[in-house]
Amino acid sequence: MTQTERPMPPLNADERTTLEAWLDFYRATLALKCDGLGDTALRTASVPPSPLTLLGMLQHLAEVERNWFRRVLAGESVPPIYDAQPDPSGHDGGFELSGESNSSAAVENWEREIAVARTNCAARGLDHTSAFGGGEVSLRWIYLHMIGEYARHCGHADLIRERVDGATGV
């Protein structure tokens, strides 16, 4: 991966701008945690017994983007990217690495899902709702959920990156 720029979210903006900026901030944070690492380092697990890797995280977050912004928000019927059999509990997979898993494909898939997410969101207001779990979920809720999802995984990425090569910060 190449060096990623991470702009600070605005300190005083409207709600939508703030939500989108924080989501983009965390997307960029994950990219920064992966910057400069090759496939071997991205495949390095944090600490046994955890199999969590930065590459698995990229794959997982591509699945999460696809699930929330395509399946839920836009009602698209799209298959999983990485898991031939989706988790029956409804959780997004992608964490497990196959022999074919590589960083260039993972980044390409992740960036493509982000681009589709931005397009799908641009056509809808924050109060737009979609069917979910027997009820309705708003785009506002999805944004907040995604910010939390990325923030949690960026914390994991901090620890994995430090384990891989000692890099801290960002």
Protein backbone atom coordinates (compact mmCIF):
# COMPACT_ATOMS: atom_id res chain seq x y z
CA MET A 1 0.00 0.00 0.00
CA THR A 2 1.07 3.58 -0.53
CA GLN A 3 1.12 6.40 1.98
CA THR A 4 -2.41 7.48 2.83
CA GLU A 5 -3.54 10.98 3.77
CA ARG A 6 -5.85 11.23 6.77
CA PRO A 7 -7.69 14.55 7.02
CA MET A 8 -9.02 15.60 10.41
CA PRO A 9 -12.83 15.67 10.54
CA PRO A 10 -14.23 19.21 10.74
CA LEU A 11 -14.75 20.54 14.25
CA ASN A 12 -17.98 22.36 13.44
CA ALA A 13 -20.02 21.06 10.50
CA ASP A 14 -23.51 19.83 9.79
CA GLU A 15 -24.47 16.34 10.90
CA ARG A 16 -24.03 14.55 7.58
CA THR A 17 -20.64 16.12 6.88
CA THR A 18 -19.51 15.18 10.39
CA LEU A 19 -20.65 11.56 10.09
CA GLU A 20 -19.11 11.09 6.66
CA ALA A 21 -15.85 12.74 7.73
CA TRP A 22 -15.48 10.52 10.81
CA LEU A 23 -16.16 7.39 8.78
CA ASP A 24 -13.59 8.49 6.20
CA PHE A 25 -11.14 9.32 9.01
CA TYR A 26 -11.32 5.75 10.30
CA ARG A 27 -11.16 4.28 6.81
CA ALA A 28 -7.95 6.28 6.27
CA THR A 29 -6.64 5.20 9.68
CA LEU A 30 -6.95 1.55 8.70
CA ALA A 31 -5.18 2.26 5.41
CA LEU A 32 -2.37 3.99 7.33
CA LYS A 33 -1.98 0.97 9.60
CA CYS A 34 -1.43 -1.17 6.50
CA ASP A 35 0.80 1.30 4.62
CA GLY A 36 4.27 0.08 3.76
CA LEU A 37 3.62 -3.57 4.60
CA GLY A 38 3.84 -6.45 2.14
CA ASP A 39 1.68 -9.55 2.02
CA THR A 40 3.77 -11.46 4.56
CA ALA A 41 3.50 -8.71 7.18
CA LEU A 42 -0.20 -8.15 6.47
CA ARG A 43 -0.75 -11.89 7.03
CA THR A 44 1.04 -11.83 10.39
CA ALA A 45 -1.30 -12.66 13.25
CA SER A 46 -1.33 -10.44 16.30
CA VAL A 47 -0.63 -12.79 19.19
CA PRO A 48 -1.54 -16.46 19.59
CA PRO A 49 -4.15 -17.74 19.97
CA SER A 50 -5.74 -14.87 17.98
CA PRO A 51 -5.61 -15.37 14.21
CA LEU A 52 -6.46 -11.68 13.58
CA THR A 53 -4.38 -10.07 10.80
CA LEU A 54 -4.39 -6.72 9.02
CA LEU A 55 -5.16 -8.51 5.75
CA GLY A 56 -8.11 -10.28 7.36
CA MET A 57 -9.30 -6.95 8.70
CA LEU A 58 -9.23 -5.39 5.20
CA GLN A 59 -11.22 -8.33 3.88
CA HIS A 60 -13.68 -8.15 6.78
CA LEU A 61 -14.27 -4.43 6.38
CA ALA A 62 -14.93 -4.89 2.65
CA GLU A 63 -17.62 -7.39 3.68
CA VAL A 64 -19.01 -4.96 6.29
CA GLU A 65 -19.16 -2.11 3.75
CA ARG A 66 -20.91 -4.44 1.30
CA ASN A 67 -23.40 -5.65 3.89
CA TRP A 68 -24.50 -2.30 5.32
CA PHE A 69 -24.34 -0.03 2.30
CA ARG A 70 -25.40 -2.49 -0.40
CA ARG A 71 -27.50 -5.27 1.13
CA VAL A 72 -29.16 -3.29 3.90
CA LEU A 73 -29.23 0.33 2.69
CA ALA A 74 -29.76 -0.26 -1.03
CA GLY A 75 -31.49 -3.64 -0.84
CA GLU A 76 -29.04 -5.20 -3.28
CA SER A 77 -28.72 -8.96 -3.48
CA VAL A 78 -24.95 -9.36 -3.64
CA PRO A 79 -22.97 -12.42 -2.55
CA PRO A 80 -20.17 -12.33 -0.01
CA ILE A 81 -16.76 -11.43 -1.38
CA TYR A 82 -14.71 -13.88 0.68
CA ASP A 83 -16.99 -16.34 2.39
CA ALA A 84 -18.59 -18.97 0.17
CA GLN A 85 -21.00 -19.68 3.02
CA PRO A 86 -22.00 -16.58 4.99
CA ASP A 87 -22.06 -16.78 8.78
CA PRO A 88 -25.57 -18.01 9.74
CA SER A 89 -25.59 -15.55 12.66
CA GLY A 90 -25.55 -12.69 10.15
CA HIS A 91 -22.09 -11.46 11.08
CA ASP A 92 -19.89 -10.30 8.26
CA GLY A 93 -16.94 -12.60 7.67
CA GLY A 94 -13.75 -12.10 5.75
CA PHE A 95 -11.32 -12.48 8.64
CA GLU A 96 -10.05 -15.88 7.55
CA LEU A 97 -7.24 -15.92 5.00
CA SER A 98 -7.07 -18.37 2.15
CA GLY A 99 -4.00 -19.31 0.13
CA GLU A 100 -5.21 -16.85 -2.52
CA SER A 101 -5.65 -13.91 -0.12
CA ASN A 102 -3.35 -11.04 -1.03
CA SER A 103 -3.11 -7.38 -0.21
CA SER A 104 -3.65 -5.98 -3.69
CA ALA A 105 -6.94 -7.86 -4.16
CA ALA A 106 -8.06 -7.06 -0.61
CA VAL A 107 -7.36 -3.34 -1.01
CA GLU A 108 -9.05 -3.28 -4.43
CA ASN A 109 -12.18 -4.99 -3.05
CA TRP A 110 -12.26 -2.74 0.02
CA GLU A 111 -11.84 0.46 -2.01
CA ARG A 112 -14.49 -0.67 -4.51
CA GLU A 113 -16.99 -1.31 -1.71
CA ILE A 114 -16.23 2.13 -0.21
CA ALA A 115 -16.86 3.76 -3.60
CA VAL A 116 -20.20 1.96 -3.97
CA ALA A 117 -21.09 2.89 -0.38
CA ARG A 118 -20.46 6.58 -1.08
CA THR A 119 -22.63 6.42 -4.21
CA ASN A 120 -25.45 4.63 -2.39
CA CYS A 121 -25.35 7.10 0.50
CA ALA A 122 -25.23 10.21 -1.71
CA ALA A 123 -28.67 9.35 -3.09
CA ARG A 124 -30.27 9.14 0.37
CA GLY A 125 -30.90 11.44 3.31
CA LEU A 126 -29.87 10.59 6.87
CA ASP A 127 -33.51 9.80 7.72
CA HIS A 128 -33.83 7.32 4.84
CA THR A 129 -34.78 3.92 6.25
CA SER A 130 -34.34 0.40 4.97
CA ALA A 131 -35.74 -2.88 6.20
CA PHE A 132 -33.51 -4.59 8.74
CA GLY A 133 -34.05 -7.24 11.40
CA GLY A 134 -37.84 -7.06 11.27
CA GLY A 135 -37.80 -3.27 11.54
CA GLU A 136 -36.32 -0.21 9.90
CA VAL A 137 -32.80 1.19 10.13
CA SER A 138 -31.83 4.73 9.14
CA LEU A 139 -28.78 5.80 7.18
CA ARG A 140 -27.84 7.87 10.25
CA TRP A 141 -27.77 4.69 12.37
CA ILE A 142 -25.73 2.86 9.71
CA TYR A 143 -23.16 5.68 9.66
CA LEU A 144 -22.85 5.58 13.45
CA HIS A 145 -22.58 1.80 13.44
CA MET A 146 -19.86 1.91 10.79
CA ILE A 147 -17.89 4.56 12.70
CA GLY A 148 -17.97 2.28 15.75
CA GLU A 149 -17.02 -0.78 13.67
CA TYR A 150 -14.02 0.97 12.15
CA ALA A 151 -12.93 2.57 15.44
CA ARG A 152 -12.91 -0.84 17.15
CA HIS A 153 -10.94 -2.47 14.33
CA CYS A 154 -8.51 0.45 14.12
CA GLY A 155 -7.69 -0.23 17.77
CA HIS A 156 -6.98 -3.85 16.84
CA ALA A 157 -4.90 -2.63 13.89
CA ASP A 158 -2.79 -0.45 16.25
CA LEU A 159 -1.81 -3.50 18.26
CA ILE A 160 -1.20 -5.74 15.25
CA ARG A 161 0.97 -3.15 13.50
CA GLU A 162 3.05 -2.64 16.62
CA ARG A 163 3.51 -6.40 16.86
CA VAL A 164 4.48 -6.68 13.18
CA ASP A 165 7.18 -3.99 13.00
CA GLY A 166 7.07 -1.85 16.13
CA ALA A 167 5.32 1.08 14.41
CA THR A 168 3.03 3.05 16.72
CA GLY A 169 0.99 6.20 16.46
CA VAL A 170 -1.37 7.58 13.84
